[in-house]
């Protein structure tokens, strides 16, 4: 089994902002689909990235992610 590397936090913040911009109110459903696909394929590396992106999206939408990351 390959080692799982930690996701790049700055990249995840950027991808979270891009997902919000692209998917708007549907960003939650989009993230759920991506996470489900990773679970289905047992892709733990990408799962960890999507979970971090989901967390970043939540923080941005709740006004806690406005700083530089």
N, C-alpha and C. Protein backbone atom coordinates (compact mmCIF):
# COMPACT_ATOMS: atom_id res chain seq x y z
N UNK A 1 0.85 -1.18 0.00
CA UNK A 1 0.00 0.00 0.00
C UNK A 1 0.89 1.24 0.00
N UNK A 2 0.54 2.20 -0.82
CA UNK A 2 1.29 3.45 -0.87
C UNK A 2 1.03 4.26 0.38
N UNK A 3 2.04 5.04 0.76
CA UNK A 3 1.86 5.96 1.88
C UNK A 3 0.94 7.09 1.46
N UNK A 4 0.09 7.49 2.39
CA UNK A 4 -0.81 8.60 2.13
C UNK A 4 -0.12 9.87 2.60
N UNK A 5 -0.02 10.84 1.72
CA UNK A 5 0.61 12.10 2.09
C UNK A 5 -0.47 13.07 2.57
N UNK A 6 -0.08 13.98 3.43
CA UNK A 6 -1.01 14.98 3.91
C UNK A 6 -1.36 15.94 2.77
N UNK A 7 -2.62 16.32 2.67
CA UNK A 7 -3.00 17.27 1.62
C UNK A 7 -2.33 18.63 1.85
N UNK A 8 -2.04 19.31 0.77
CA UNK A 8 -1.49 20.67 0.83
C UNK A 8 -2.61 21.61 1.23
N UNK A 9 -2.50 22.23 2.39
CA UNK A 9 -3.58 23.05 2.93
C UNK A 9 -3.86 24.27 2.06
N UNK A 10 -2.82 24.92 1.57
CA UNK A 10 -3.04 26.11 0.73
C UNK A 10 -3.78 25.73 -0.55
N UNK A 11 -3.43 24.60 -1.13
CA UNK A 11 -4.10 24.13 -2.33
C UNK A 11 -5.57 23.80 -2.04
N UNK A 12 -5.83 23.20 -0.89
CA UNK A 12 -7.20 22.86 -0.52
C UNK A 12 -8.04 24.11 -0.30
N UNK A 13 -7.47 25.15 0.29
CA UNK A 13 -8.20 26.41 0.45
C UNK A 13 -8.53 27.00 -0.91
N UNK A 14 -7.58 26.96 -1.83
CA UNK A 14 -7.81 27.49 -3.18
C UNK A 14 -8.88 26.68 -3.90
N UNK A 15 -8.83 25.35 -3.75
CA UNK A 15 -9.83 24.50 -4.40
C UNK A 15 -11.21 24.70 -3.76
N UNK A 16 -11.25 24.98 -2.47
CA UNK A 16 -12.52 25.26 -1.80
C UNK A 16 -13.14 26.54 -2.36
N UNK A 17 -12.35 27.59 -2.50
CA UNK A 17 -12.86 28.84 -3.07
C UNK A 17 -13.34 28.63 -4.51
N UNK A 18 -12.58 27.86 -5.29
CA UNK A 18 -12.95 27.60 -6.68
C UNK A 18 -14.25 26.80 -6.74
N UNK A 19 -14.42 25.83 -5.85
CA UNK A 19 -15.64 25.02 -5.83
C UNK A 19 -16.86 25.88 -5.49
N UNK A 20 -16.69 26.78 -4.54
CA UNK A 20 -17.79 27.69 -4.17
C UNK A 20 -18.15 28.57 -5.36
N UNK A 21 -17.13 29.10 -6.01
CA UNK A 21 -17.38 29.98 -7.16
C UNK A 21 -18.07 29.23 -8.30
N UNK A 22 -17.65 28.02 -8.55
CA UNK A 22 -18.19 27.25 -9.67
C UNK A 22 -19.57 26.67 -9.38
N UNK A 23 -19.77 26.15 -8.16
CA UNK A 23 -20.99 25.41 -7.85
C UNK A 23 -22.00 26.18 -7.01
N UNK A 24 -21.61 27.32 -6.48
CA UNK A 24 -22.54 28.16 -5.72
C UNK A 24 -23.27 27.40 -4.64
N UNK A 25 -24.58 27.51 -4.63
CA UNK A 25 -25.40 26.85 -3.61
C UNK A 25 -25.33 25.32 -3.70
N UNK A 26 -24.88 24.79 -4.81
CA UNK A 26 -24.77 23.35 -4.98
C UNK A 26 -23.43 22.78 -4.56
N UNK A 27 -22.60 23.59 -3.93
CA UNK A 27 -21.25 23.14 -3.57
C UNK A 27 -21.29 21.96 -2.60
N UNK A 28 -22.24 21.95 -1.69
CA UNK A 28 -22.35 20.84 -0.74
C UNK A 28 -22.63 19.53 -1.43
N UNK A 29 -23.56 19.54 -2.38
CA UNK A 29 -23.89 18.33 -3.13
C UNK A 29 -22.70 17.87 -3.96
N UNK A 30 -21.98 18.81 -4.56
CA UNK A 30 -20.80 18.48 -5.34
C UNK A 30 -19.75 17.80 -4.47
N UNK A 31 -19.49 18.37 -3.30
CA UNK A 31 -18.50 17.78 -2.40
C UNK A 31 -18.93 16.40 -1.93
N UNK A 32 -20.22 16.23 -1.65
CA UNK A 32 -20.73 14.92 -1.25
C UNK A 32 -20.48 13.89 -2.34
N UNK A 33 -20.69 14.27 -3.60
CA UNK A 33 -20.45 13.35 -4.72
C UNK A 33 -18.97 12.96 -4.82
N UNK A 34 -18.10 13.94 -4.65
CA UNK A 34 -16.67 13.67 -4.75
C UNK A 34 -16.22 12.75 -3.61
N UNK A 35 -16.71 13.01 -2.40
CA UNK A 35 -16.36 12.18 -1.25
C UNK A 35 -16.90 10.77 -1.43
N UNK A 36 -18.14 10.66 -1.88
CA UNK A 36 -18.73 9.34 -2.11
C UNK A 36 -17.95 8.55 -3.15
N UNK A 37 -17.51 9.22 -4.22
CA UNK A 37 -16.73 8.54 -5.26
C UNK A 37 -15.41 8.02 -4.68
N UNK A 38 -14.76 8.81 -3.84
CA UNK A 38 -13.51 8.37 -3.22
C UNK A 38 -13.75 7.17 -2.31
N UNK A 39 -14.84 7.21 -1.56
CA UNK A 39 -15.17 6.08 -0.69
C UNK A 39 -15.44 4.83 -1.50
N UNK A 40 -16.19 4.99 -2.58
CA UNK A 40 -16.54 3.86 -3.43
C UNK A 40 -15.30 3.21 -4.03
N UNK A 41 -14.32 4.04 -4.41
CA UNK A 41 -13.10 3.53 -5.03
C UNK A 41 -11.99 3.27 -4.00
N UNK A 42 -12.30 3.49 -2.73
CA UNK A 42 -11.33 3.30 -1.65
C UNK A 42 -10.06 4.09 -1.90
N UNK A 43 -10.26 5.30 -2.39
CA UNK A 43 -9.16 6.21 -2.71
C UNK A 43 -8.92 7.12 -1.50
N UNK A 44 -8.12 6.63 -0.57
CA UNK A 44 -7.93 7.35 0.68
C UNK A 44 -7.16 8.65 0.51
N UNK A 45 -6.25 8.70 -0.45
CA UNK A 45 -5.49 9.94 -0.67
C UNK A 45 -6.42 11.07 -1.08
N UNK A 46 -7.25 10.83 -2.08
CA UNK A 46 -8.15 11.89 -2.53
C UNK A 46 -9.27 12.14 -1.51
N UNK A 47 -9.67 11.10 -0.80
CA UNK A 47 -10.68 11.28 0.23
C UNK A 47 -10.20 12.29 1.27
N UNK A 48 -8.97 12.16 1.71
CA UNK A 48 -8.45 13.10 2.71
C UNK A 48 -8.43 14.53 2.16
N UNK A 49 -8.12 14.68 0.88
CA UNK A 49 -8.13 16.00 0.26
C UNK A 49 -9.54 16.57 0.20
N UNK A 50 -10.50 15.77 -0.25
CA UNK A 50 -11.87 16.26 -0.36
C UNK A 50 -12.49 16.57 1.00
N UNK A 51 -12.12 15.80 2.02
CA UNK A 51 -12.62 16.11 3.36
C UNK A 51 -12.06 17.43 3.86
N UNK A 52 -10.79 17.69 3.57
CA UNK A 52 -10.20 18.97 3.96
C UNK A 52 -10.84 20.12 3.17
N UNK A 53 -11.07 19.91 1.88
CA UNK A 53 -11.73 20.93 1.06
C UNK A 53 -13.13 21.20 1.60
N UNK A 54 -13.85 20.15 1.97
CA UNK A 54 -15.19 20.31 2.53
C UNK A 54 -15.14 21.14 3.82
N UNK A 55 -14.15 20.89 4.65
CA UNK A 55 -13.98 21.66 5.87
C UNK A 55 -13.69 23.12 5.55
N UNK A 56 -12.82 23.36 4.59
CA UNK A 56 -12.49 24.73 4.18
C UNK A 56 -13.72 25.46 3.65
N UNK A 57 -14.50 24.77 2.82
CA UNK A 57 -15.74 25.37 2.29
C UNK A 57 -16.65 25.77 3.45
N UNK A 58 -16.82 24.88 4.41
CA UNK A 58 -17.66 25.18 5.55
C UNK A 58 -17.18 26.40 6.31
N UNK A 59 -15.87 26.50 6.49
CA UNK A 59 -15.32 27.65 7.21
C UNK A 59 -15.50 28.94 6.41
N UNK A 60 -15.30 28.87 5.10
CA UNK A 60 -15.49 30.05 4.26
C UNK A 60 -16.94 30.51 4.32
N UNK A 61 -17.86 29.58 4.15
CA UNK A 61 -19.28 29.93 4.12
C UNK A 61 -19.78 30.41 5.48
N UNK A 62 -19.12 30.02 6.56
CA UNK A 62 -19.51 30.46 7.89
C UNK A 62 -18.73 31.68 8.36
N UNK A 63 -17.97 32.28 7.43
CA UNK A 63 -17.24 33.50 7.75
C UNK A 63 -15.98 33.29 8.56
N UNK A 64 -15.47 32.07 8.59
CA UNK A 64 -14.27 31.79 9.38
C UNK A 64 -13.04 31.55 8.51
N UNK A 65 -13.18 31.70 7.22
CA UNK A 65 -12.08 31.37 6.33
C UNK A 65 -11.64 32.52 5.46
N UNK A 66 -11.72 33.73 5.97
CA UNK A 66 -11.41 34.88 5.14
C UNK A 66 -9.97 35.28 5.09
N UNK A 67 -9.15 34.75 5.99
CA UNK A 67 -7.74 35.12 6.03
C UNK A 67 -6.93 34.40 4.97
N UNK A 68 -5.66 34.63 4.99
CA UNK A 68 -4.77 33.95 4.06
C UNK A 68 -4.39 32.60 4.67
N UNK A 69 -4.34 31.58 3.85
CA UNK A 69 -4.04 30.24 4.32
C UNK A 69 -2.97 29.63 3.46
